[in-house]
């Protein structure tokens, strides 16, 4: 036969201390779960914010590409206009010179 289990019927304090420890552990667990839930919510918000930033960076990259293309086109048009301007100035100089020659020839 074995030794009979000891039954402690006289002191209610160990049972109360055990209940108090369980309650404290339960409160700590609840606080830890609340902290975890808050951290998850912050992380989710940060992920959404990051996705928004990624979209903005992509949009800015597209805008930059479009603006670079527009700038290249504007520079090409400006160069063409400058070349046309030089040709027109040359032709005007020739015309002015011809008119002066005709006027000088008629004066003499």
Protein backbone atom coordinates (compact mmCIF):
# COMPACT_ATOMS: atom_id res chain seq x y z
CA UNK A 1 0.00 0.00 0.00
CA UNK A 2 1.04 3.56 -0.44
CA UNK A 3 1.23 6.49 1.86
CA UNK A 4 -2.11 8.24 2.10
CA UNK A 5 -2.23 11.73 0.58
CA UNK A 6 -1.99 14.52 3.05
CA UNK A 7 -5.09 16.63 3.23
CA UNK A 8 -4.60 20.17 4.48
CA UNK A 9 -7.85 21.44 5.80
CA UNK A 10 -6.73 23.95 8.29
CA UNK A 11 -5.00 26.81 6.37
CA UNK A 12 -6.96 28.57 3.57
CA UNK A 13 -4.00 30.91 2.74
CA UNK A 14 -2.12 28.63 0.33
CA UNK A 15 -5.24 28.25 -1.83
CA UNK A 16 -5.81 32.02 -1.79
CA UNK A 17 -2.17 32.68 -2.64
CA UNK A 18 -2.44 30.25 -5.54
CA UNK A 19 -5.63 31.96 -6.79
CA UNK A 20 -3.96 35.36 -6.44
CA UNK A 21 -0.95 34.14 -8.45
CA UNK A 22 -3.24 32.78 -11.16
CA UNK A 23 -5.16 36.06 -11.28
CA UNK A 24 -1.90 38.03 -11.55
CA UNK A 25 -0.64 35.73 -14.31
CA UNK A 26 -3.97 36.08 -16.10
CA UNK A 27 -3.73 39.90 -15.90
CA UNK A 28 -0.16 39.80 -17.23
CA UNK A 29 -1.28 37.53 -20.07
CA UNK A 30 -4.17 39.87 -20.90
CA UNK A 31 -1.82 42.87 -20.91
CA UNK A 32 0.66 41.01 -23.12
CA UNK A 33 -2.11 40.06 -25.56
CA UNK A 34 -3.34 43.67 -25.62
CA UNK A 35 0.21 44.85 -26.34
CA UNK A 36 0.56 42.26 -29.09
CA UNK A 37 -2.75 43.33 -30.63
CA UNK A 38 -1.66 46.99 -30.54
CA UNK A 39 1.68 46.08 -32.14
CA UNK A 40 -0.11 44.16 -34.90
CA UNK A 41 -2.39 47.13 -35.54
CA UNK A 42 0.60 49.52 -35.73
CA UNK A 43 2.39 47.16 -38.09
CA UNK A 44 -0.68 46.86 -40.31
CA UNK A 45 -0.98 50.66 -40.46
CA UNK A 46 2.74 50.94 -41.23
CA UNK A 47 2.36 48.37 -44.03
CA UNK A 48 -0.53 50.36 -45.51
CA UNK A 49 1.53 53.53 -45.24
CA UNK A 50 4.47 51.80 -46.90
CA UNK A 51 2.26 50.59 -49.74
CA UNK A 52 1.06 54.16 -50.23
CA UNK A 53 4.63 55.41 -50.34
CA UNK A 54 5.57 52.73 -52.86
CA UNK A 55 2.66 53.84 -55.05
CA UNK A 56 3.75 57.48 -54.73
CA UNK A 57 7.34 56.63 -55.63
CA UNK A 58 6.10 54.70 -58.66
CA UNK A 59 3.91 57.63 -59.71
CA UNK A 60 6.80 60.05 -59.26
CA UNK A 61 9.01 57.78 -61.37
CA UNK A 62 6.39 57.75 -64.12
CA UNK A 63 6.04 61.53 -63.91
CA UNK A 64 9.80 61.92 -64.07
CA UNK A 65 9.99 59.74 -67.18
CA UNK A 66 7.19 61.69 -68.86
CA UNK A 67 8.78 65.03 -67.91
CA UNK A 68 12.19 63.89 -69.19
CA UNK A 69 10.59 62.91 -72.50
CA UNK A 70 8.75 66.25 -72.69
CA UNK A 71 11.99 68.08 -71.93
CA UNK A 72 13.83 66.17 -74.67
CA UNK A 73 11.09 67.13 -77.13
CA UNK A 74 11.18 70.78 -76.04
CA UNK A 75 14.98 70.88 -76.39
CA UNK A 76 14.73 69.37 -79.89
CA UNK A 77 12.06 71.95 -80.89
CA UNK A 78 14.20 74.77 -79.45
CA UNK A 79 17.23 73.63 -81.43
CA UNK A 80 15.16 73.42 -84.61
CA UNK A 81 13.77 76.90 -83.99
CA UNK A 82 17.26 78.26 -83.33
CA UNK A 83 18.45 76.76 -86.62
CA UNK A 84 15.45 78.27 -88.43
CA UNK A 85 16.12 81.61 -86.75
CA UNK A 86 19.73 81.56 -87.93
CA UNK A 87 18.63 80.72 -91.49
CA UNK A 88 16.03 83.51 -91.46
CA UNK A 89 18.63 85.98 -90.14
CA UNK A 90 21.04 84.94 -92.90
CA UNK A 91 18.35 85.38 -95.57
CA UNK A 92 17.38 88.79 -94.15
CA UNK A 93 21.03 89.86 -94.25
CA UNK A 94 21.24 88.78 -97.90
CA UNK A 95 17.98 90.61 -98.73
CA UNK A 96 19.10 93.78 -96.92
CA UNK A 97 22.42 93.63 -98.71
CA UNK A 98 20.66 93.20 -102.07
CA UNK A 99 18.31 96.12 -101.38
CA UNK A 100 21.24 98.34 -100.39
CA UNK A 101 23.06 97.39 -103.57
CA UNK A 102 20.03 98.28 -105.68
CA UNK A 103 19.55 101.59 -103.83
CA UNK A 104 23.25 102.44 -104.14
CA UNK A 105 23.19 101.63 -107.87
CA UNK A 106 20.16 103.90 -108.43
CA UNK A 107 21.73 106.82 -106.55
CA UNK A 108 24.82 106.92 -108.80
